[in-house]
């Protein structure tokens, strides 16, 4: 009798652990309905960008490494946006919108910049405890690369180039 009960109990415990782990660990993809409110008021969703490689970069105006990687991100966007690549910068919830707008204008940031005033975007990406942080999303919606710290631009270019025709693998 004890042996017969042991297997169902083990299976039930294993299932409970699996469900708990699945709920606690970040998913391999942010929800496709994740909505970005851009500085100009437009809305953009990950679903609307499906089929394209997308780099979502979390940053703050007061973050030195974020500012240091800015020229690399601008160059990457300017070179590959016309081929289908998209980059969305997400200002951290604690960064005042007026400061973000002034920073973007002063530095001539050409790609879309989103405000995350309520923290919903950072939550969709697992909380983003450290910045800069970047998530490279493949055209199928899965996260191809998750990076904390100044982005390894050569590695990012190599991955993005797999999805864009006519791009060198790592320039």
C-alpha atoms as a PDB file:
ATOM      1  CA  UNK A   1       0.000   0.000   0.000  1.00  0.00           C
ATOM      2  CA  UNK A   2       2.799   2.442   0.872  1.00  0.00           C
ATOM      3  CA  UNK A   3       4.535   1.726  -2.437  1.00  0.00           C
ATOM      4  CA  UNK A   4       1.375   2.468  -4.404  1.00  0.00           C
ATOM      5  CA  UNK A   5       0.947   5.834  -2.698  1.00  0.00           C
ATOM      6  CA  UNK A   6       4.606   6.783  -3.040  1.00  0.00           C
ATOM      7  CA  UNK A   7       4.554   7.182  -6.846  1.00  0.00           C
ATOM      8  CA  UNK A   8       1.466   9.461  -7.003  1.00  0.00           C
ATOM      9  CA  UNK A   9       2.838  11.564  -4.143  1.00  0.00           C
ATOM     10  CA  UNK A  10       6.218  11.915  -5.872  1.00  0.00           C
ATOM     11  CA  UNK A  11       4.502  12.877  -9.134  1.00  0.00           C
ATOM     12  CA  UNK A  12       2.279  15.428  -7.398  1.00  0.00           C
ATOM     13  CA  UNK A  13       5.243  17.008  -5.579  1.00  0.00           C
ATOM     14  CA  UNK A  14       7.273  17.091  -8.791  1.00  0.00           C
ATOM     15  CA  UNK A  15       4.401  18.761 -10.651  1.00  0.00           C
ATOM     16  CA  UNK A  16       3.976  21.329  -7.872  1.00  0.00           C
ATOM     17  CA  UNK A  17       7.696  22.156  -7.953  1.00  0.00           C
ATOM     18  CA  UNK A  18       7.668  22.469 -11.756  1.00  0.00           C
ATOM     19  CA  UNK A  19       4.719  24.881 -11.678  1.00  0.00           C
ATOM     20  CA  UNK A  20       6.345  26.952  -8.930  1.00  0.00           C
ATOM     21  CA  UNK A  21       9.647  27.172 -10.817  1.00  0.00           C
ATOM     22  CA  UNK A  22       7.842  28.102 -14.052  1.00  0.00           C
ATOM     23  CA  UNK A  23       6.027  30.934 -12.276  1.00  0.00           C
ATOM     24  CA  UNK A  24       9.111  32.289 -10.516  1.00  0.00           C
ATOM     25  CA  UNK A  25      11.674  32.143 -13.311  1.00  0.00           C
ATOM     26  CA  UNK A  26      11.614  34.744 -16.068  1.00  0.00           C
ATOM     27  CA  UNK A  27      10.148  33.471 -19.307  1.00  0.00           C
ATOM     28  CA  UNK A  28      12.146  33.057 -22.492  1.00  0.00           C
ATOM     29  CA  UNK A  29      10.044  35.780 -24.064  1.00  0.00           C
ATOM     30  CA  UNK A  30       8.357  38.923 -22.782  1.00  0.00           C
ATOM     31  CA  UNK A  31       4.614  39.044 -23.358  1.00  0.00           C
ATOM     32  CA  UNK A  32       3.875  40.040 -26.967  1.00  0.00           C
ATOM     33  CA  UNK A  33       1.282  42.530 -25.721  1.00  0.00           C
ATOM     34  CA  UNK A  34       3.996  44.485 -23.894  1.00  0.00           C
ATOM     35  CA  UNK A  35       3.226  48.085 -24.789  1.00  0.00           C
ATOM     36  CA  UNK A  36       5.755  50.893 -25.022  1.00  0.00           C
ATOM     37  CA  UNK A  37       4.615  54.505 -24.661  1.00  0.00           C
ATOM     38  CA  UNK A  38       7.094  56.558 -26.636  1.00  0.00           C
ATOM     39  CA  UNK A  39       8.220  60.092 -25.847  1.00  0.00           C
ATOM     40  CA  UNK A  40       6.090  61.450 -28.682  1.00  0.00           C
ATOM     41  CA  UNK A  41       2.987  59.729 -27.235  1.00  0.00           C
ATOM     42  CA  UNK A  42       2.794  56.916 -29.803  1.00  0.00           C
ATOM     43  CA  UNK A  43       2.235  53.355 -28.617  1.00  0.00           C
ATOM     44  CA  UNK A  44       4.249  50.393 -29.837  1.00  0.00           C
ATOM     45  CA  UNK A  45       3.839  46.712 -28.942  1.00  0.00           C
ATOM     46  CA  UNK A  46       6.192  43.787 -29.308  1.00  0.00           C
ATOM     47  CA  UNK A  47       3.461  42.055 -31.308  1.00  0.00           C
ATOM     48  CA  UNK A  48       3.580  44.853 -33.899  1.00  0.00           C
ATOM     49  CA  UNK A  49       7.317  44.220 -34.313  1.00  0.00           C
ATOM     50  CA  UNK A  50       7.031  40.440 -34.705  1.00  0.00           C
ATOM     51  CA  UNK A  51       9.081  39.255 -37.674  1.00  0.00           C
ATOM     52  CA  UNK A  52      11.908  41.709 -36.999  1.00  0.00           C
ATOM     53  CA  UNK A  53      14.918  41.537 -34.678  1.00  0.00           C
ATOM     54  CA  UNK A  54      14.354  44.012 -31.833  1.00  0.00           C
ATOM     55  CA  UNK A  55      16.814  45.260 -29.238  1.00  0.00           C
ATOM     56  CA  UNK A  56      15.152  46.574 -26.075  1.00  0.00           C
ATOM     57  CA  UNK A  57      17.659  48.622 -24.103  1.00  0.00           C
ATOM     58  CA  UNK A  58      16.961  49.701 -20.515  1.00  0.00           C
ATOM     59  CA  UNK A  59      18.854  52.805 -19.399  1.00  0.00           C
ATOM     60  CA  UNK A  60      18.802  55.993 -17.323  1.00  0.00           C
ATOM     61  CA  UNK A  61      20.091  59.483 -17.930  1.00  0.00           C
ATOM     62  CA  UNK A  62      22.298  59.260 -14.822  1.00  0.00           C
ATOM     63  CA  UNK A  63      23.887  55.909 -15.747  1.00  0.00           C
ATOM     64  CA  UNK A  64      27.482  56.360 -16.978  1.00  0.00           C
ATOM     65  CA  UNK A  65      27.741  52.986 -18.777  1.00  0.00           C
ATOM     66  CA  UNK A  66      24.394  53.732 -20.460  1.00  0.00           C
ATOM     67  CA  UNK A  67      25.749  57.009 -21.801  1.00  0.00           C
ATOM     68  CA  UNK A  68      29.015  55.325 -22.830  1.00  0.00           C
ATOM     69  CA  UNK A  69      27.216  52.727 -25.000  1.00  0.00           C
ATOM     70  CA  UNK A  70      25.003  55.354 -26.655  1.00  0.00           C
ATOM     71  CA  UNK A  71      27.260  55.951 -29.712  1.00  0.00           C
ATOM     72  CA  UNK A  72      27.369  52.192 -30.431  1.00  0.00           C
ATOM     73  CA  UNK A  73      23.577  51.918 -30.227  1.00  0.00           C
ATOM     74  CA  UNK A  74      23.043  54.977 -32.422  1.00  0.00           C
ATOM     75  CA  UNK A  75      25.437  53.606 -35.051  1.00  0.00           C
ATOM     76  CA  UNK A  76      23.819  50.161 -34.953  1.00  0.00           C
ATOM     77  CA  UNK A  77      20.349  51.652 -35.390  1.00  0.00           C
ATOM     78  CA  UNK A  78      21.382  54.013 -38.195  1.00  0.00           C
ATOM     79  CA  UNK A  79      23.107  51.210 -40.114  1.00  0.00           C
ATOM     80  CA  UNK A  80      20.488  48.487 -39.779  1.00  0.00           C
ATOM     81  CA  UNK A  81      17.085  50.082 -39.135  1.00  0.00           C
ATOM     82  CA  UNK A  82      16.373  50.387 -42.866  1.00  0.00           C
ATOM     83  CA  UNK A  83      16.975  46.622 -43.172  1.00  0.00           C
ATOM     84  CA  UNK A  84      14.293  45.776 -40.604  1.00  0.00           C
ATOM     85  CA  UNK A  85      16.127  46.046 -37.272  1.00  0.00           C
ATOM     86  CA  UNK A  86      14.377  47.925 -34.462  1.00  0.00           C
ATOM     87  CA  UNK A  87      15.788  49.351 -31.245  1.00  0.00           C
ATOM     88  CA  UNK A  88      13.668  50.659 -28.397  1.00  0.00           C
ATOM     89  CA  UNK A  89      15.283  52.411 -25.466  1.00  0.00           C
ATOM     90  CA  UNK A  90      13.303  52.217 -22.225  1.00  0.00           C
ATOM     91  CA  UNK A  91      13.981  54.881 -19.620  1.00  0.00           C
ATOM     92  CA  UNK A  92      13.820  53.480 -16.109  1.00  0.00           C
ATOM     93  CA  UNK A  93      10.711  54.351 -14.049  1.00  0.00           C
ATOM     94  CA  UNK A  94      12.672  56.618 -11.699  1.00  0.00           C
ATOM     95  CA  UNK A  95      14.011  58.820 -14.521  1.00  0.00           C
ATOM     96  CA  UNK A  96      11.845  61.983 -14.800  1.00  0.00           C
ATOM     97  CA  UNK A  97      10.231  62.289 -18.258  1.00  0.00           C
ATOM     98  CA  UNK A  98      11.427  65.886 -18.722  1.00  0.00           C
ATOM     99  CA  UNK A  99      15.013  64.813 -18.056  1.00  0.00           C
ATOM    100  CA  UNK A 100      14.670  61.896 -20.497  1.00  0.00           C
ATOM    101  CA  UNK A 101      13.276  64.163 -23.219  1.00  0.00           C
ATOM    102  CA  UNK A 102      16.041  66.734 -22.728  1.00  0.00           C
ATOM    103  CA  UNK A 103      18.724  63.999 -22.787  1.00  0.00           C
ATOM    104  CA  UNK A 104      17.331  62.428 -25.987  1.00  0.00           C
ATOM    105  CA  UNK A 105      17.210  65.804 -27.747  1.00  0.00           C
ATOM    106  CA  UNK A 106      20.686  66.836 -26.576  1.00  0.00           C
ATOM    107  CA  UNK A 107      22.277  63.558 -27.723  1.00  0.00           C
ATOM    108  CA  UNK A 108      20.293  63.236 -30.955  1.00  0.00           C
ATOM    109  CA  UNK A 109      18.954  59.765 -30.175  1.00  0.00           C
ATOM    110  CA  UNK A 110      17.359  58.605 -33.466  1.00  0.00           C
ATOM    111  CA  UNK A 111      15.534  55.500 -32.241  1.00  0.00           C
ATOM    112  CA  UNK A 112      12.272  55.265 -30.289  1.00  0.00           C
ATOM    113  CA  UNK A 113      12.529  56.016 -26.575  1.00  0.00           C
ATOM    114  CA  UNK A 114       9.838  54.772 -24.204  1.00  0.00           C
ATOM    115  CA  UNK A 115       8.914  55.966 -20.745  1.00  0.00           C
ATOM    116  CA  UNK A 116       8.144  53.308 -18.144  1.00  0.00           C
ATOM    117  CA  UNK A 117       6.527  55.497 -15.515  1.00  0.00           C
ATOM    118  CA  UNK A 118       4.477  52.701 -13.952  1.00  0.00           C
ATOM    119  CA  UNK A 119       7.177  50.009 -14.225  1.00  0.00           C
ATOM    120  CA  UNK A 120       5.108  47.665 -16.414  1.00  0.00           C
ATOM    121  CA  UNK A 121       7.793  47.298 -19.085  1.00  0.00           C
ATOM    122  CA  UNK A 122      10.569  46.517 -16.615  1.00  0.00           C
ATOM    123  CA  UNK A 123       8.248  43.986 -14.966  1.00  0.00           C
ATOM    124  CA  UNK A 124       7.556  42.328 -18.333  1.00  0.00           C
ATOM    125  CA  UNK A 125      11.320  41.841 -18.692  1.00  0.00           C
ATOM    126  CA  UNK A 126      11.819  40.273 -15.274  1.00  0.00           C
ATOM    127  CA  UNK A 127      12.312  43.409 -13.187  1.00  0.00           C
ATOM    128  CA  UNK A 128      15.580  44.713 -14.724  1.00  0.00           C
ATOM    129  CA  UNK A 129      17.506  45.193 -11.468  1.00  0.00           C
ATOM    130  CA  UNK A 130      20.681  46.546 -13.139  1.00  0.00           C
ATOM    131  CA  UNK A 131      21.309  48.896 -16.039  1.00  0.00           C
ATOM    132  CA  UNK A 132      22.272  49.118 -18.715  1.00  0.00           C
ATOM    133  CA  UNK A 133      20.398  45.976 -19.659  1.00  0.00           C
ATOM    134  CA  UNK A 134      19.534  44.788 -23.139  1.00  0.00           C
ATOM    135  CA  UNK A 135      17.267  42.105 -24.520  1.00  0.00           C
ATOM    136  CA  UNK A 136      17.638  41.052 -28.118  1.00  0.00           C
ATOM    137  CA  UNK A 137      14.360  39.612 -29.323  1.00  0.00           C
ATOM    138  CA  UNK A 138      14.395  37.309 -32.334  1.00  0.00           C
ATOM    139  CA  UNK A 139      11.774  37.704 -35.072  1.00  0.00           C
ATOM    140  CA  UNK A 140       9.790  34.809 -33.545  1.00  0.00           C
ATOM    141  CA  UNK A 141       9.459  36.734 -30.242  1.00  0.00           C
ATOM    142  CA  UNK A 142      11.929  34.724 -28.154  1.00  0.00           C
ATOM    143  CA  UNK A 143      14.767  36.376 -26.284  1.00  0.00           C
ATOM    144  CA  UNK A 144      17.948  35.572 -28.195  1.00  0.00           C
ATOM    145  CA  UNK A 145      20.292  37.511 -25.906  1.00  0.00           C
ATOM    146  CA  UNK A 146      19.928  38.994 -22.450  1.00  0.00           C
ATOM    147  CA  UNK A 147      22.792  41.251 -21.399  1.00  0.00           C
ATOM    148  CA  UNK A 148      23.521  43.299 -18.286  1.00  0.00           C
ATOM    149  CA  UNK A 149      26.200  45.966 -18.425  1.00  0.00           C
ATOM    150  CA  UNK A 150      27.554  47.734 -21.461  1.00  0.00           C
ATOM    151  CA  UNK A 151      26.333  45.731 -24.441  1.00  0.00           C
ATOM    152  CA  UNK A 152      28.847  43.547 -26.261  1.00  0.00           C
ATOM    153  CA  UNK A 153      28.088  45.230 -29.569  1.00  0.00           C
ATOM    154  CA  UNK A 154      30.098  42.730 -31.651  1.00  0.00           C
ATOM    155  CA  UNK A 155      28.104  39.828 -30.211  1.00  0.00           C
ATOM    156  CA  UNK A 156      24.820  41.698 -30.704  1.00  0.00           C
ATOM    157  CA  UNK A 157      25.714  42.492 -34.332  1.00  0.00           C
ATOM    158  CA  UNK A 158      26.578  38.857 -34.988  1.00  0.00           C
ATOM    159  CA  UNK A 159      23.176  37.718 -33.694  1.00  0.00           C
ATOM    160  CA  UNK A 160      21.170  40.468 -35.412  1.00  0.00           C
ATOM    161  CA  UNK A 161      22.897  39.839 -38.742  1.00  0.00           C
ATOM    162  CA  UNK A 162      21.442  36.299 -38.797  1.00  0.00           C
ATOM    163  CA  UNK A 163      18.019  37.869 -39.260  1.00  0.00           C
ATOM    164  CA  UNK A 164      18.829  40.655 -41.714  1.00  0.00           C
ATOM    165  CA  UNK A 165      19.761  40.024 -45.331  1.00  0.00           C
ATOM    166  CA  UNK A 166      22.847  41.799 -46.615  1.00  0.00           C
ATOM    167  CA  UNK A 167      24.506  42.543 -43.285  1.00  0.00           C
ATOM    168  CA  UNK A 168      28.066  41.618 -42.385  1.00  0.00           C
ATOM    169  CA  UNK A 169      28.168  39.212 -39.449  1.00  0.00           C
ATOM    170  CA  UNK A 170      30.125  41.504 -37.141  1.00  0.00           C
ATOM    171  CA  UNK A 171      31.254  44.895 -38.317  1.00  0.00           C
END
